[in-house]
C-alpha atoms as a PDB file:
ATOM      1  CA  MET A   1      13.739 106.440 100.488  1.00  0.00           C
ATOM      2  CA  ILE A   2      13.209 104.843  97.065  1.00  0.00           C
ATOM      3  CA  GLU A   3      12.611 108.213  95.440  1.00  0.00           C
ATOM      4  CA  ARG A   4      15.804 109.573  97.010  1.00  0.00           C
ATOM      5  CA  ALA A   5      17.874 106.644  95.742  1.00  0.00           C
ATOM      6  CA  ALA A   6      16.364 107.018  92.270  1.00  0.00           C
ATOM      7  CA  ARG A   7      17.142 110.755  92.247  1.00  0.00           C
ATOM      8  CA  HIS A   8      20.737 110.118  93.299  1.00  0.00           C
ATOM      9  CA  LEU A   9      21.205 107.501  90.576  1.00  0.00           C
ATOM     10  CA  ALA A  10      19.511 109.688  87.967  1.00  0.00           C
ATOM     11  CA  ILE A  11      21.860 112.578  88.764  1.00  0.00           C
ATOM     12  CA  ARG A  12      24.882 110.297  88.483  1.00  0.00           C
ATOM     13  CA  ILE A  13      23.693 108.902  85.149  1.00  0.00           C
ATOM     14  CA  LYS A  14      22.923 112.381  83.813  1.00  0.00           C
ATOM     15  CA  ASN A  15      26.320 113.700  84.918  1.00  0.00           C
ATOM     16  CA  ALA A  16      28.096 110.750  83.311  1.00  0.00           C
ATOM     17  CA  ASP A  17      26.608 111.519  79.878  1.00  0.00           C
ATOM     18  CA  PRO A  18      24.535 114.720  79.858  1.00  0.00           C
ATOM     19  CA  ASP A  19      24.017 114.840  76.083  1.00  0.00           C
ATOM     20  CA  HIS A  20      22.858 111.274  75.454  1.00  0.00           C
ATOM     21  CA  THR A  21      20.503 110.539  78.312  1.00  0.00           C
ATOM     22  CA  ALA A  22      16.860 111.323  78.940  1.00  0.00           C
ATOM     23  CA  SER A  23      15.887 114.247  81.124  1.00  0.00           C
ATOM     24  CA  LEU A  24      16.566 114.050  84.834  1.00  0.00           C
ATOM     25  CA  ALA A  25      12.822 113.737  85.572  1.00  0.00           C
ATOM     26  CA  VAL A  26      12.398 110.840  83.130  1.00  0.00           C
ATOM     27  CA  LEU A  27      15.457 109.028  84.496  1.00  0.00           C
ATOM     28  CA  GLU A  28      14.274 109.508  88.074  1.00  0.00           C
ATOM     29  CA  TYR A  29      10.779 108.236  87.269  1.00  0.00           C
ATOM     30  CA  ALA A  30      12.075 105.150  85.448  1.00  0.00           C
ATOM     31  CA  LEU A  31      14.588 104.366  88.184  1.00  0.00           C
ATOM     32  CA  THR A  32      11.917 104.731  90.873  1.00  0.00           C
ATOM     33  CA  ILE A  33       9.789 102.119  89.097  1.00  0.00           C
ATOM     34  CA  LEU A  34      12.767  99.812  88.533  1.00  0.00           C
ATOM     35  CA  ILE A  35      13.986 100.040  92.141  1.00  0.00           C
ATOM     36  CA  ASN A  36      10.446  99.602  93.500  1.00  0.00           C
ATOM     37  CA  MET A  37       9.732  96.511  91.389  1.00  0.00           C
ATOM     38  CA  SER A  38      13.131  94.976  92.152  1.00  0.00           C
ATOM     39  CA  LEU A  39      12.715  95.582  95.870  1.00  0.00           C
ATOM     40  CA  ILE A  40       9.220  94.073  95.902  1.00  0.00           C
ATOM     41  CA  ALA A  41      10.258  90.981  93.931  1.00  0.00           C
ATOM     42  CA  GLY A  42      13.499  90.445  95.840  1.00  0.00           C
ATOM     43  CA  VAL A  43      12.100  90.856  99.340  1.00  0.00           C
ATOM     44  CA  THR A  44       8.934  88.867  98.569  1.00  0.00           C
ATOM     45  CA  LEU A  45      10.997  85.968  97.244  1.00  0.00           C
ATOM     46  CA  LEU A  46      13.372  86.217 100.211  1.00  0.00           C
ATOM     47  CA  VAL A  47      10.473  86.153 102.687  1.00  0.00           C
ATOM     48  CA  GLY A  48       8.906  83.264 100.750  1.00  0.00           C
ATOM     49  CA  TRP A  49      12.176  81.325 100.932  1.00  0.00           C
ATOM     50  CA  TRP A  50      12.594  82.149 104.642  1.00  0.00           C
ATOM     51  CA  THR A  51       9.051  80.951 105.438  1.00  0.00           C
ATOM     52  CA  GLY A  52       9.361  77.833 103.301  1.00  0.00           C
ATOM     53  CA  LYS A  53       6.881  79.042 100.685  1.00  0.00           C
ATOM     54  CA  PRO A  54       8.947  80.523  97.844  1.00  0.00           C
ATOM     55  CA  ALA A  55       6.805  79.185  94.975  1.00  0.00           C
ATOM     56  CA  PRO A  56       3.450  80.357  96.398  1.00  0.00           C
ATOM     57  CA  ALA A  57       4.949  83.774  97.231  1.00  0.00           C
ATOM     58  CA  ALA A  58       6.251  84.100  93.676  1.00  0.00           C
ATOM     59  CA  GLU A  59       2.870  82.989  92.309  1.00  0.00           C
ATOM     60  CA  ALA A  60       1.045  85.556  94.456  1.00  0.00           C
ATOM     61  CA  LEU A  61       3.372  88.291  93.241  1.00  0.00           C
ATOM     62  CA  LEU A  62       3.000  87.344  89.569  1.00  0.00           C
ATOM     63  CA  ASP A  63      -0.786  86.917  89.754  1.00  0.00           C
ATOM     64  CA  PHE A  64      -1.240  90.226  91.571  1.00  0.00           C
ATOM     65  CA  ALA A  65       1.026  92.070  89.104  1.00  0.00           C
ATOM     66  CA  LEU A  66      -0.586  90.527  86.022  1.00  0.00           C
ATOM     67  CA  LEU A  67      -4.098  91.512  87.039  1.00  0.00           C
ATOM     68  CA  ARG A  68      -2.919  94.961  88.139  1.00  0.00           C
ATOM     69  CA  LEU A  69      -1.387  95.514  84.711  1.00  0.00           C
ATOM     70  CA  PHE A  70      -4.844  95.362  83.120  1.00  0.00           C
ATOM     71  CA  SER A  71      -7.154  96.521  85.921  1.00  0.00           C
ATOM     72  CA  GLY A  72      -5.144  99.338  87.470  1.00  0.00           C
ATOM     73  CA  GLY A  73      -5.805 100.195  91.077  1.00  0.00           C
ATOM     74  CA  PHE A  74      -5.081 102.368  94.077  1.00  0.00           C
ATOM     75  CA  HIS A  75      -1.689 104.098  94.278  1.00  0.00           C
ATOM     76  CA  PHE A  76       0.079 104.965  97.508  1.00  0.00           C
ATOM     77  CA  ARG A  77       1.658 108.385  97.845  1.00  0.00           C
ATOM     78  CA  SER A  78       5.147 106.906  98.201  1.00  0.00           C
ATOM     79  CA  SER A  79       7.021 104.028  96.627  1.00  0.00           C
ATOM     80  CA  ALA A  80       8.098 102.809 100.062  1.00  0.00           C
ATOM     81  CA  ALA A  81       4.472 102.409 101.166  1.00  0.00           C
ATOM     82  CA  CYS A  82       3.672 100.596  97.923  1.00  0.00           C
ATOM     83  CA  SER A  83       6.634  98.263  98.390  1.00  0.00           C
ATOM     84  CA  ALA A  84       5.805  97.489 102.009  1.00  0.00           C
ATOM     85  CA  ALA A  85       2.118  96.811 101.300  1.00  0.00           C
ATOM     86  CA  THR A  86       2.828  94.605  98.282  1.00  0.00           C
ATOM     87  CA  ILE A  87       5.519  92.621 100.093  1.00  0.00           C
ATOM     88  CA  LEU A  88       3.288  92.040 103.128  1.00  0.00           C
ATOM     89  CA  LEU A  89       0.388  91.032 100.909  1.00  0.00           C
ATOM     90  CA  CYS A  90       2.321  88.630  98.688  1.00  0.00           C
ATOM     91  CA  ALA A  91       4.145  87.092 101.633  1.00  0.00           C
ATOM     92  CA  ALA A  92       0.879  86.562 103.553  1.00  0.00           C
ATOM     93  CA  ILE A  93      -1.200  85.082 100.722  1.00  0.00           C
ATOM     94  CA  PRO A  94       0.482  81.630 100.805  1.00  0.00           C
ATOM     95  CA  PHE A  95      -0.522  81.303 104.459  1.00  0.00           C
ATOM     96  CA  LEU A  96      -4.106  82.379 103.748  1.00  0.00           C
ATOM     97  CA  ALA A  97      -4.518  80.056 100.743  1.00  0.00           C
ATOM     98  CA  PRO A  98      -6.185  77.247 102.757  1.00  0.00           C
ATOM     99  CA  TRP A  99      -8.973  79.724 103.600  1.00  0.00           C
ATOM    100  CA  ALA A 100      -9.542  80.328  99.870  1.00  0.00           C
ATOM    101  CA  GLU A 101     -10.053  76.605  99.324  1.00  0.00           C
ATOM    102  CA  VAL A 102     -13.186  76.731 101.489  1.00  0.00           C
ATOM    103  CA  HIS A 103     -15.173  79.089  99.222  1.00  0.00           C
ATOM    104  CA  PRO A 104     -13.325  79.352  95.890  1.00  0.00           C
ATOM    105  CA  ALA A 105     -16.457  79.938  93.794  1.00  0.00           C
ATOM    106  CA  ALA A 106     -17.600  82.819  96.011  1.00  0.00           C
ATOM    107  CA  ILE A 107     -14.203  84.514  95.850  1.00  0.00           C
ATOM    108  CA  HIS A 108     -14.023  83.962  92.110  1.00  0.00           C
ATOM    109  CA  LEU A 109     -17.497  85.392  91.542  1.00  0.00           C
ATOM    110  CA  LEU A 110     -16.760  88.398  93.753  1.00  0.00           C
ATOM    111  CA  CYS A 111     -13.599  89.142  91.746  1.00  0.00           C
ATOM    112  CA  LEU A 112     -15.472  88.946  88.454  1.00  0.00           C
ATOM    113  CA  ILE A 113     -18.242  91.240  89.732  1.00  0.00           C
ATOM    114  CA  LEU A 114     -15.752  93.808  91.028  1.00  0.00           C
ATOM    115  CA  LEU A 115     -13.903  93.772  87.714  1.00  0.00           C
ATOM    116  CA  LEU A 116     -17.141  94.159  85.763  1.00  0.00           C
ATOM    117  CA  LEU A 117     -18.178  97.129  87.880  1.00  0.00           C
ATOM    118  CA  PHE A 118     -14.928  98.987  88.465  1.00  0.00           C
ATOM    119  CA  ALA A 119     -12.107  97.906  86.126  1.00  0.00           C
ATOM    120  CA  PRO A 120     -10.019  99.483  84.908  1.00  0.00           C
ATOM    121  CA  ARG A 121      -9.147 102.029  87.576  1.00  0.00           C
ATOM    122  CA  LEU A 122      -6.260 103.876  86.010  1.00  0.00           C
ATOM    123  CA  ASP A 123      -4.274 106.737  87.418  1.00  0.00           C
ATOM    124  CA  HIS A 124      -5.406 110.129  86.129  1.00  0.00           C
ATOM    125  CA  ARG A 125      -1.907 110.660  84.709  1.00  0.00           C
ATOM    126  CA  THR A 126      -2.085 107.645  82.417  1.00  0.00           C
ATOM    127  CA  ALA A 127      -1.582 108.154  78.714  1.00  0.00           C
ATOM    128  CA  MET A 128      -3.951 105.294  77.898  1.00  0.00           C
ATOM    129  CA  PRO A 129      -6.879 106.512  75.780  1.00  0.00           C
ATOM    130  CA  LYS A 130     -10.294 105.690  77.229  1.00  0.00           C
ATOM    131  CA  THR A 131     -11.143 103.790  74.046  1.00  0.00           C
ATOM    132  CA  PHE A 132      -8.901 100.984  75.365  1.00  0.00           C
ATOM    133  CA  TYR A 133     -10.739 100.683  78.698  1.00  0.00           C
ATOM    134  CA  PRO A 134     -13.196  98.007  77.460  1.00  0.00           C
ATOM    135  CA  LEU A 135     -10.260  95.922  76.221  1.00  0.00           C
ATOM    136  CA  LEU A 136      -8.526  96.279  79.607  1.00  0.00           C
ATOM    137  CA  LYS A 137     -11.741  95.201  81.358  1.00  0.00           C
ATOM    138  CA  CYS A 138     -11.975  92.119  79.104  1.00  0.00           C
ATOM    139  CA  LEU A 139      -8.323  91.231  79.687  1.00  0.00           C
ATOM    140  CA  SER A 140      -8.817  91.607  83.452  1.00  0.00           C
ATOM    141  CA  LEU A 141     -11.832  89.323  83.341  1.00  0.00           C
ATOM    142  CA  ALA A 142      -9.917  86.798  81.214  1.00  0.00           C
ATOM    143  CA  VAL A 143      -7.031  86.676  83.691  1.00  0.00           C
ATOM    144  CA  VAL A 144      -9.371  85.925  86.574  1.00  0.00           C
ATOM    145  CA  ALA A 145     -11.512  83.528  84.517  1.00  0.00           C
ATOM    146  CA  ALA A 146      -8.387  81.516  83.650  1.00  0.00           C
ATOM    147  CA  ASN A 147      -8.248  80.438  87.275  1.00  0.00           C
ATOM    148  CA  PHE A 148     -11.415  78.391  86.661  1.00  0.00           C
ATOM    149  CA  PHE A 149      -9.046  75.977  84.927  1.00  0.00           C
ATOM    150  CA  PHE A 150      -6.006  76.302  87.216  1.00  0.00           C
ATOM    151  CA  GLN A 151      -8.009  76.473  90.464  1.00  0.00           C
ATOM    152  CA  SER A 152      -5.163  78.001  92.431  1.00  0.00           C
ATOM    153  CA  PRO A 153      -6.145  79.292  95.873  1.00  0.00           C
ATOM    154  CA  VAL A 154      -3.037  81.509  95.862  1.00  0.00           C
ATOM    155  CA  ALA A 155      -4.137  83.100  92.582  1.00  0.00           C
ATOM    156  CA  GLU A 156      -7.676  83.474  93.925  1.00  0.00           C
ATOM    157  CA  LEU A 157      -6.478  85.491  96.912  1.00  0.00           C
ATOM    158  CA  ALA A 158      -4.028  87.548  94.850  1.00  0.00           C
ATOM    159  CA  PHE A 159      -6.847  88.394  92.450  1.00  0.00           C
ATOM    160  CA  LEU A 160      -9.164  89.281  95.331  1.00  0.00           C
ATOM    161  CA  ALA A 161      -6.553  91.568  96.862  1.00  0.00           C
ATOM    162  CA  GLN A 162      -6.000  93.275  93.518  1.00  0.00           C
ATOM    163  CA  CYS A 163      -9.733  93.610  92.909  1.00  0.00           C
ATOM    164  CA  LEU A 164     -10.104  95.391  96.233  1.00  0.00           C
ATOM    165  CA  THR A 165      -7.624  98.041  95.037  1.00  0.00           C
ATOM    166  CA  ILE A 166      -9.955  99.057  92.202  1.00  0.00           C
ATOM    167  CA  LEU A 167     -12.832  99.939  94.528  1.00  0.00           C
ATOM    168  CA  PRO A 168     -13.614 103.658  94.323  1.00  0.00           C
ATOM    169  CA  LEU A 169     -12.825 104.401  97.960  1.00  0.00           C
ATOM    170  CA  GLY A 170     -10.990 107.485  99.179  1.00  0.00           C
ATOM    171  CA  ARG A 171      -8.993 109.671  96.845  1.00  0.00           C
ATOM    172  CA  ARG A 172      -8.753 108.890  93.161  1.00  0.00           C
END
């Protein structure tokens, strides 16, 4: 669905100015990412507003995305599956936050251990040289460690969810 819309838009852009645009594949890839991120943000915020928790939903989305930027993680085969999973996760976290208040230190410690052991988990197609992996691990740890000061249960659960995506389970 998302890939099809991105392909359609890429073809229209390429046809509008064939000499001054990137290749069709590059346009399609960039549009897929843009549509996917816009859909996730828009629907998550809409669900957050509808459930009366727009700020916690936005916080969950931002915390999850920030840690994912540095730690990497599992990728679904389709953008639609990625969108659906991320929306469900970020919309559910505000309702699960009271649970995180019960054992915040345990969740925090688990996140730090998982990051130490498995971060970063980058896609095999990444252009990032492996020499940067220690820096990405340190940045991941710093993001999670910052919550020692903020003590946000929403951030704690978003970080836990993201940390679970770096576990080496299933296909790589």
